[in-house]
Protein backbone atom coordinates (compact mmCIF):
# COMPACT_ATOMS: atom_id res chain seq x y z
CA MET A 1 16.97 -15.99 -8.36
CA LYS A 2 15.04 -14.11 -11.04
CA TYR A 3 12.49 -11.69 -9.58
CA TYR A 4 9.76 -9.99 -11.58
CA VAL A 5 8.24 -7.06 -9.65
CA ILE A 6 5.16 -5.03 -10.64
CA ALA A 7 4.39 -1.69 -8.95
CA GLY A 8 1.93 0.65 -10.66
CA GLU A 9 2.10 3.82 -8.53
CA ALA A 10 4.53 6.16 -6.75
CA SER A 11 3.99 4.51 -3.35
CA GLY A 12 4.56 1.09 -4.94
CA ASP A 13 7.83 2.36 -6.39
CA LEU A 14 9.00 3.37 -2.90
CA HIS A 15 8.03 0.09 -1.22
CA GLY A 16 9.18 -2.00 -4.19
CA SER A 17 12.61 -0.35 -4.09
CA ASN A 18 13.05 -1.07 -0.37
CA LEU A 19 11.98 -4.68 -0.90
CA MET A 20 14.47 -5.04 -3.77
CA LYS A 21 17.21 -3.64 -1.53
CA ALA A 22 16.35 -6.18 1.21
CA LEU A 23 16.29 -9.04 -1.31
CA LYS A 24 19.73 -8.08 -2.62
CA GLN A 25 21.15 -8.26 0.90
CA LYS A 26 19.85 -11.82 1.29
CA ASP A 27 20.41 -12.86 -2.34
CA PRO A 28 23.46 -10.94 -3.71
CA ASN A 29 22.96 -12.38 -7.21
CA ALA A 30 19.32 -11.28 -7.42
CA ASP A 31 18.22 -10.60 -11.00
CA PHE A 32 15.39 -8.03 -11.21
CA ARG A 33 13.00 -7.21 -14.01
CA PHE A 34 10.28 -4.76 -13.03
CA TRP A 35 7.46 -2.34 -13.73
CA GLY A 36 7.97 0.62 -11.41
CA GLY A 37 9.72 3.95 -11.14
CA ASP A 38 12.96 5.81 -10.54
CA LEU A 39 13.51 4.47 -7.00
CA MET A 40 13.27 0.86 -8.16
CA ALA A 41 15.58 1.69 -11.08
CA LYS A 42 18.27 2.77 -8.57
CA GLN A 43 18.30 -0.80 -7.20
CA GLY A 44 19.36 -2.14 -10.59
CA GLY A 45 17.81 -4.60 -13.00
CA ILE A 46 15.71 -3.94 -16.10
CA MET A 47 12.74 -1.56 -16.05
CA VAL A 48 10.07 -2.82 -18.42
CA LYS A 49 7.68 0.14 -18.00
CA HIS A 50 7.46 3.24 -15.81
CA TYR A 51 4.42 3.54 -13.57
CA ARG A 52 3.53 6.94 -15.06
CA ASP A 53 2.40 5.00 -18.16
CA LEU A 54 0.07 2.88 -16.02
CA ALA A 55 -1.61 5.25 -13.56
CA PHE A 56 -5.21 6.04 -14.48
CA MET A 57 -7.43 7.55 -11.82
CA GLY A 58 -11.19 7.13 -11.42
CA PHE A 59 -13.79 5.13 -13.31
CA LEU A 60 -14.10 7.58 -16.21
CA GLU A 61 -10.36 7.83 -16.83
CA VAL A 62 -10.03 4.04 -16.75
CA ALA A 63 -12.87 3.68 -19.25
CA MET A 64 -11.30 6.27 -21.58
CA ASN A 65 -7.92 4.50 -21.46
CA LEU A 66 -9.18 0.92 -21.53
CA ARG A 67 -7.37 0.03 -24.75
CA THR A 68 -4.02 1.19 -23.30
CA ILE A 69 -4.64 -0.76 -20.10
CA LEU A 70 -5.53 -3.95 -21.97
CA ASN A 71 -2.46 -3.58 -24.20
CA ASN A 72 -0.27 -3.19 -21.09
CA ILE A 73 -1.73 -6.38 -19.59
CA LYS A 74 -1.11 -8.27 -22.84
CA PHE A 75 2.44 -6.97 -23.07
CA CYS A 76 3.16 -7.86 -19.44
CA LYS A 77 1.95 -11.44 -19.92
CA GLU A 78 4.19 -11.88 -22.95
CA ASP A 79 7.16 -10.43 -21.11
CA ILE A 80 6.70 -12.80 -18.15
CA LYS A 81 6.26 -15.76 -20.50
CA ASN A 82 9.45 -14.88 -22.36
CA ASN A 83 11.55 -14.26 -19.24
CA ARG A 84 10.22 -16.99 -16.91
CA PRO A 85 11.07 -15.53 -13.47
CA ASP A 86 11.39 -17.71 -10.36
CA VAL A 87 8.92 -15.52 -8.51
CA LEU A 88 6.44 -12.79 -9.40
CA ILE A 89 6.13 -10.06 -6.74
CA LEU A 90 2.99 -7.93 -7.00
CA VAL A 91 2.89 -4.60 -5.14
CA ASP A 92 -0.71 -3.42 -4.51
CA TYR A 93 -2.26 -2.14 -7.86
CA PRO A 94 -4.95 -4.89 -7.91
CA GLY A 95 -6.87 -4.16 -11.12
CA PHE A 96 -3.75 -4.97 -13.11
CA ASN A 97 -1.88 -7.29 -10.77
CA LEU A 98 -4.63 -9.82 -10.06
CA ARG A 99 -4.94 -10.51 -13.80
CA ILE A 100 -1.21 -11.10 -13.98
CA ALA A 101 -1.31 -13.33 -10.87
CA LYS A 102 -3.72 -15.74 -12.57
CA PHE A 103 -1.57 -15.87 -15.71
CA ALA A 104 1.71 -16.43 -13.83
CA LYS A 105 0.26 -19.12 -11.57
CA GLU A 106 -0.99 -21.04 -14.58
CA LEU A 107 2.57 -20.93 -15.95
CA GLY A 108 3.80 -22.52 -12.71
CA ILE A 109 5.50 -19.34 -11.42
CA LYS A 110 5.41 -18.63 -7.68
CA VAL A 111 3.22 -15.58 -6.96
CA VAL A 112 3.77 -13.30 -3.95
CA TYR A 113 1.56 -10.32 -3.11
CA TYR A 114 3.24 -7.57 -1.10
CA ILE A 115 0.90 -4.85 0.22
CA SER A 116 -2.63 -6.15 -0.02
CA PRO A 117 -5.28 -4.49 -2.16
CA GLN A 118 -7.87 -2.81 0.07
CA LEU A 119 -10.37 -5.64 -0.28
CA TRP A 120 -11.76 -4.87 3.16
CA ALA A 121 -13.10 -1.64 1.63
CA TRP A 122 -14.49 -2.89 -1.66
CA LYS A 123 -14.43 -5.80 -4.12
CA GLU A 124 -14.21 -8.31 -1.27
CA GLY A 125 -14.95 -11.05 -3.80
CA ARG A 126 -11.39 -10.69 -5.08
CA VAL A 127 -10.29 -12.69 -2.03
CA GLU A 128 -11.26 -15.80 -3.99
CA ILE A 129 -8.80 -14.83 -6.76
CA ILE A 130 -6.07 -14.40 -4.17
CA LYS A 131 -6.94 -17.77 -2.61
CA LYS A 132 -6.56 -19.44 -6.03
CA TYR A 133 -3.59 -17.69 -7.57
CA VAL A 134 -1.40 -16.16 -4.82
CA ASP A 135 1.11 -18.35 -2.96
CA GLU A 136 1.97 -15.84 -0.23
CA MET A 137 0.05 -12.73 0.88
CA MET A 138 2.03 -10.20 2.91
CA VAL A 139 0.00 -7.46 4.63
CA ILE A 140 1.16 -4.18 6.12
CA LEU A 141 -1.86 -3.10 8.18
CA PRO A 142 -2.57 -4.88 11.49
CA PHE A 143 -6.28 -5.49 10.83
CA GLU A 144 -5.69 -7.07 7.40
CA GLU A 145 -4.42 -10.33 8.90
CA ASP A 146 -7.80 -10.85 10.62
CA PHE A 147 -9.62 -9.95 7.40
CA TYR A 148 -7.83 -12.69 5.44
CA LYS A 149 -8.15 -15.20 8.28
CA LYS A 150 -11.93 -14.68 8.17
CA HIS A 151 -11.82 -15.69 4.49
CA GLY A 152 -9.63 -18.73 5.04
CA VAL A 153 -6.50 -17.16 3.54
CA HIS A 154 -3.21 -17.34 5.43
CA SER A 155 -1.32 -14.04 5.41
CA HIS A 156 1.79 -12.59 7.04
CA PHE A 157 1.72 -9.23 8.82
CA VAL A 158 5.22 -7.99 8.02
CA GLY A 159 4.90 -4.46 9.41
CA HIS A 160 4.52 -1.22 7.47
CA PRO A 161 7.31 -0.41 5.00
CA LEU A 162 6.92 3.34 5.52
CA LEU A 163 8.55 2.88 8.91
CA ASP A 164 11.59 1.48 7.06
CA ALA A 165 11.68 4.37 4.62
CA ILE A 166 11.40 6.97 7.37
CA SER A 167 13.92 5.34 9.72
CA THR A 168 16.74 5.77 7.18
CA LEU A 169 16.22 9.51 6.67
CA GLU A 170 19.08 11.81 7.56
CA GLU A 171 18.33 14.82 9.74
CA VAL A 172 17.16 17.90 7.88
CA ASP A 173 18.09 21.48 8.77
CA ILE A 174 15.04 23.72 8.24
CA GLU A 175 17.01 26.90 7.54
CA GLU A 176 19.31 25.07 5.13
CA PHE A 177 16.31 23.51 3.37
CA LYS A 178 14.71 26.94 2.90
CA LYS A 179 17.94 28.38 1.56
CA GLU A 180 18.58 25.52 -0.88
CA ASN A 181 15.04 25.76 -2.29
CA ASN A 182 14.83 29.58 -2.47
CA LEU A 183 12.14 29.77 0.22
CA ASN A 184 11.59 32.77 2.46
CA GLU A 185 11.78 32.88 6.27
CA LYS A 186 8.07 32.25 6.92
CA GLU A 187 6.88 28.97 8.40
CA ILE A 188 5.77 26.39 5.82
CA ILE A 189 2.41 24.85 5.05
CA ALA A 190 3.03 21.87 2.76
CA LEU A 191 0.66 21.04 -0.07
CA LEU A 192 0.54 17.41 -1.23
CA PRO A 193 -1.99 17.44 -4.09
CA GLY A 194 -1.33 13.93 -5.43
CA SER A 195 0.70 12.41 -8.23
CA ARG A 196 -1.59 12.39 -11.28
CA LYS A 197 -2.09 15.45 -13.47
CA GLN A 198 -5.90 15.38 -13.36
CA GLU A 199 -5.88 15.03 -9.57
CA VAL A 200 -3.22 17.69 -8.96
CA GLU A 201 -4.98 20.32 -11.08
CA LYS A 202 -8.21 19.83 -9.17
CA MET A 203 -6.69 19.74 -5.69
CA LEU A 204 -4.15 22.56 -5.98
CA GLN A 205 -6.76 25.10 -6.95
CA MET A 206 -8.75 24.30 -3.82
CA MET A 207 -5.76 24.09 -1.50
CA LEU A 208 -4.40 27.45 -2.64
CA SER A 209 -7.76 29.13 -2.04
CA VAL A 210 -6.84 29.42 1.68
CA ARG A 211 -3.84 31.68 1.02
CA PRO A 212 -5.47 35.03 1.91
CA TYR A 213 -6.20 33.71 5.43
CA PHE A 214 -2.64 32.59 6.19
CA LYS A 215 -0.42 35.45 5.03
CA GLU A 216 2.11 34.75 7.79
CA PHE A 217 2.91 31.39 6.15
CA GLN A 218 4.43 30.34 2.84
CA PHE A 219 2.92 27.46 0.86
CA VAL A 220 5.18 24.85 -0.70
CA ILE A 221 3.93 22.30 -3.23
CA ALA A 222 5.40 18.80 -3.14
CA GLY A 223 5.98 17.99 -6.81
CA ALA A 224 5.26 14.47 -7.99
CA PRO A 225 8.19 12.73 -9.74
CA SER A 226 5.80 11.67 -12.51
CA LEU A 227 5.01 15.30 -13.50
CA PRO A 228 7.44 17.81 -15.08
CA LYS A 229 8.50 20.96 -13.25
CA GLU A 230 6.87 23.11 -15.96
CA PHE A 231 3.46 21.76 -14.99
CA TYR A 232 3.67 23.46 -11.59
CA GLU A 233 4.97 26.85 -12.77
CA THR A 234 1.50 28.34 -13.27
CA TYR A 235 0.86 27.92 -9.52
CA VAL A 236 4.15 29.41 -8.29
CA ASP A 237 4.61 33.04 -7.16
CA ASP A 238 6.34 35.00 -4.36
CA ASN A 239 4.55 33.08 -1.60
CA VAL A 240 3.81 29.75 -3.32
CA HIS A 241 6.85 27.60 -4.00
CA PHE A 242 7.58 24.19 -5.44
CA VAL A 243 10.04 21.43 -4.60
CA SER A 244 10.52 18.19 -6.50
CA ASN A 245 11.52 14.76 -5.13
CA LYS A 246 11.90 16.21 -1.61
CA THR A 247 8.51 15.46 -0.07
CA TYR A 248 9.85 13.92 3.15
CA ASP A 249 12.27 16.82 3.72
CA LEU A 250 9.49 19.30 2.97
CA LEU A 251 7.13 17.68 5.46
CA ARG A 252 9.77 17.62 8.20
CA CYS A 253 10.26 21.36 7.70
CA SER A 254 6.51 22.17 7.73
CA LYS A 255 4.16 23.32 10.47
CA ALA A 256 1.14 21.61 8.87
CA ALA A 257 0.01 20.06 5.60
CA LEU A 258 -2.97 19.78 3.28
CA VAL A 259 -2.88 16.27 1.83
CA THR A 260 -4.84 14.50 -0.88
CA SER A 261 -6.10 11.15 0.39
CA GLY A 262 -3.83 8.17 -0.22
CA THR A 263 -0.56 6.83 1.15
CA ALA A 264 0.62 10.42 1.66
CA THR A 265 -1.82 10.79 4.58
CA LEU A 266 0.06 8.08 6.48
CA GLU A 267 3.50 9.37 5.44
CA THR A 268 2.58 12.82 6.76
CA ALA A 269 1.43 11.37 10.08
CA LEU A 270 4.52 9.20 10.54
CA LEU A 271 6.65 12.30 9.93
CA ASN A 272 4.69 13.98 12.74
CA VAL A 273 3.02 16.75 10.72
CA PRO A 274 -0.60 17.68 11.60
CA GLU A 275 -2.71 17.51 8.44
CA VAL A 276 -6.09 18.03 6.83
CA VAL A 277 -7.02 15.24 4.40
CA CYS A 278 -8.64 16.40 1.15
CA TYR A 279 -10.56 14.47 -1.47
CA ARG A 280 -12.79 15.45 -4.36
CA GLY A 281 -13.45 13.21 -7.35
CA SER A 282 -15.79 13.68 -10.29
CA LYS A 283 -19.46 13.38 -9.33
CA VAL A 284 -19.84 10.25 -11.44
CA SER A 285 -16.74 8.52 -10.05
CA TYR A 286 -17.65 9.43 -6.47
CA ALA A 287 -21.23 8.22 -6.87
CA ILE A 288 -20.00 4.88 -8.24
CA ALA A 289 -17.40 4.55 -5.48
CA LYS A 290 -19.97 5.22 -2.76
CA ARG A 291 -22.11 2.37 -4.05
CA LEU A 292 -19.18 -0.04 -4.25
CA VAL A 293 -17.30 0.76 -1.06
CA LYS A 294 -18.43 -1.23 1.97
CA ASN A 295 -19.10 0.16 5.43
CA ILE A 296 -15.86 2.11 5.67
CA LYS A 297 -16.06 5.14 7.92
CA TYR A 298 -12.88 6.89 6.75
CA ILE A 299 -10.80 7.46 3.62
CA SER A 300 -7.41 8.18 5.22
CA LEU A 301 -5.14 5.37 6.35
CA VAL A 302 -4.46 7.23 9.60
CA ASN A 303 -8.10 7.10 10.67
CA LEU A 304 -8.65 3.59 9.31
CA ILE A 305 -5.76 2.15 11.32
CA MET A 306 -6.77 3.98 14.48
CA ASP A 307 -10.47 3.24 13.87
CA ARG A 308 -11.44 6.78 14.87
CA GLU A 309 -11.02 10.32 13.57
CA VAL A 310 -7.49 11.46 14.27
CA VAL A 311 -7.15 13.78 11.27
CA LYS A 312 -9.99 15.74 9.68
CA GLU A 313 -11.22 14.48 6.31
CA LEU A 314 -12.88 16.95 3.94
CA ILE A 315 -14.61 15.02 1.17
CA GLN A 316 -16.49 16.22 -1.94
CA SER A 317 -18.76 19.20 -1.06
CA ASP A 318 -17.22 19.43 2.44
CA LEU A 319 -13.94 20.31 0.72
CA ASN A 320 -14.40 24.06 0.40
CA THR A 321 -12.41 27.13 1.34
CA ASN A 322 -14.30 27.90 4.56
CA ASN A 323 -13.86 24.38 5.95
CA LEU A 324 -10.23 24.20 4.90
CA VAL A 325 -9.46 27.51 6.64
CA GLU A 326 -11.26 26.44 9.81
CA GLU A 327 -9.56 23.03 10.04
CA LEU A 328 -6.11 24.34 9.14
CA LYS A 329 -6.32 26.95 11.90
CA LYS A 330 -7.12 24.21 14.44
CA ILE A 331 -3.98 22.21 13.69
CA LEU A 332 -1.57 25.14 13.55
CA GLU A 333 -1.88 25.95 17.28
CA GLY A 334 -3.64 24.83 20.41
CA GLU A 335 -5.42 21.78 21.80
CA LYS A 336 -6.32 20.10 18.50
CA ARG A 337 -2.71 20.20 17.33
CA SER A 338 -1.48 18.67 20.61
CA GLN A 339 -4.08 15.89 20.41
CA VAL A 340 -3.16 15.02 16.82
CA LEU A 341 0.53 14.70 17.75
CA LYS A 342 -0.34 12.43 20.73
CA ASP A 343 -2.45 10.24 18.44
CA TYR A 344 0.40 9.98 15.94
CA GLU A 345 2.53 8.36 18.65
CA LEU A 346 -0.17 5.73 19.25
CA LEU A 347 -0.38 5.18 15.48
CA ARG A 348 3.33 4.38 15.29
CA GLN A 349 2.98 1.89 18.13
CA LYS A 350 0.11 0.13 16.34
CA LEU A 351 2.19 -0.31 13.18
CA GLY A 352 5.06 -1.95 15.05
CA GLY A 353 8.73 -1.29 14.44
CA LYS A 354 10.74 -1.10 11.28
CA GLY A 355 11.76 -4.21 9.34
CA ALA A 356 8.85 -4.79 6.92
CA SER A 357 11.11 -5.01 3.87
CA GLU A 358 13.44 -7.53 5.53
CA ASN A 359 10.49 -9.59 6.84
CA ALA A 360 8.91 -9.66 3.37
CA ALA A 361 12.23 -10.65 1.76
CA GLU A 362 12.53 -13.60 4.15
CA VAL A 363 9.04 -14.83 3.27
CA ILE A 364 9.84 -14.62 -0.45
CA LEU A 365 13.11 -16.52 -0.13
CA LYS A 366 11.47 -19.28 1.94
CA ILE A 367 9.07 -20.17 -0.90
C-alpha cells in the first residue's frame, strides 16, 4: 500500500516513525511518502519536507509566516494529488492537517488521524471537521475516547506511543554517559527548553537563572534536533553542558529536570524523573490563548491525564527565579520527590501497556 504521512513537529516525527515501523512489519511492501523528520527518514520512503520548515509557534509567529504556511498547504495538496496514496495518515498538527484531511477526502483517499488534536482544550468546533473528513480517529489519551463519544464520533484508544518508544531503550550507564559527553562528576539537572529557536532562547535564560543556588549540580541542555549545535554554544560553560539527540539518555541520568510544557513533560514523567514544568509565551499570544482555551486546569499532559497536580507548573509571571529555585529544591530530596515518583507509577498504569503503534497499524490496515 502507498502511505502518505504528515507530522509537523519533533514529537510527531517520533510517533510517526514508530507507526511506520509497525506498518512495515504488517505490510512488508509498504511505500511511504512523508512530511516529518530524521526518525521517520530512517524508516525509509521519500521525505517531502522536514518539520523544521513547518513549525511556527504562537499566534504572532503564525501571522508573520502566513504566506509560507499557505504555500506549504498548497504544495502538500498538489503532492497528494500527484501521488494518489491509498491512505493519508495525519499525526496531530491540526492547523495544517485538518485542511489536508478535507482535500484528501474529497479526492476519495482514506483519511486516518493518529494522535488527536487537543480539541478538548480549545477549538472544539473542529470535531465537526473530523466527523466529515476523517475515516478513523485513533486517540492516545484515555479521556479522549469519551470526548469523541460525546460528539458522536467513533474513536479507538490505541494506548500511548511513548510507552512503545521507552520500552525499546537499552540500559544507560550514568558514568559512561558522563564520560562520553565530557560531563563532570556532579549529579545532573536536565534542561529541556523546547525545540523552536524562539522558545529555546526565552526558556533557557530563565532556567539557567537558578544556577547560583545549585552549585553542587551540573546543568545539561537537551539540544533539539531541529537546531544546530552552534546555537547552544553561547549558553555552555564549565558547569552548563549540551547534548544533542540524546534526550532520553540524558533524562535517565538526571536527578531532576526543568521542562518546557509539551510532550516532553510526559516523556520526563514516564522516564521517572521529577520535574518542574515551565511556560512563558508572549503577552499577546498568552492573552489570546487564555480566551480561547476552555476550562482546562493544567498545561502539562501529566497533570491533565491524572486530573490533579502531580508536577508543579510555573506559567507566565509565576515562572521566575525564586519560584523555580523553591520548586526545584522540593523535587531533589524529601517527601515531594517521593510523592511525585509514586504518582508517576499511577500515571503509567492509566496509560496502559505498550503496543500503541501496533494497534494503530492494525486499524489502518483494516480500512
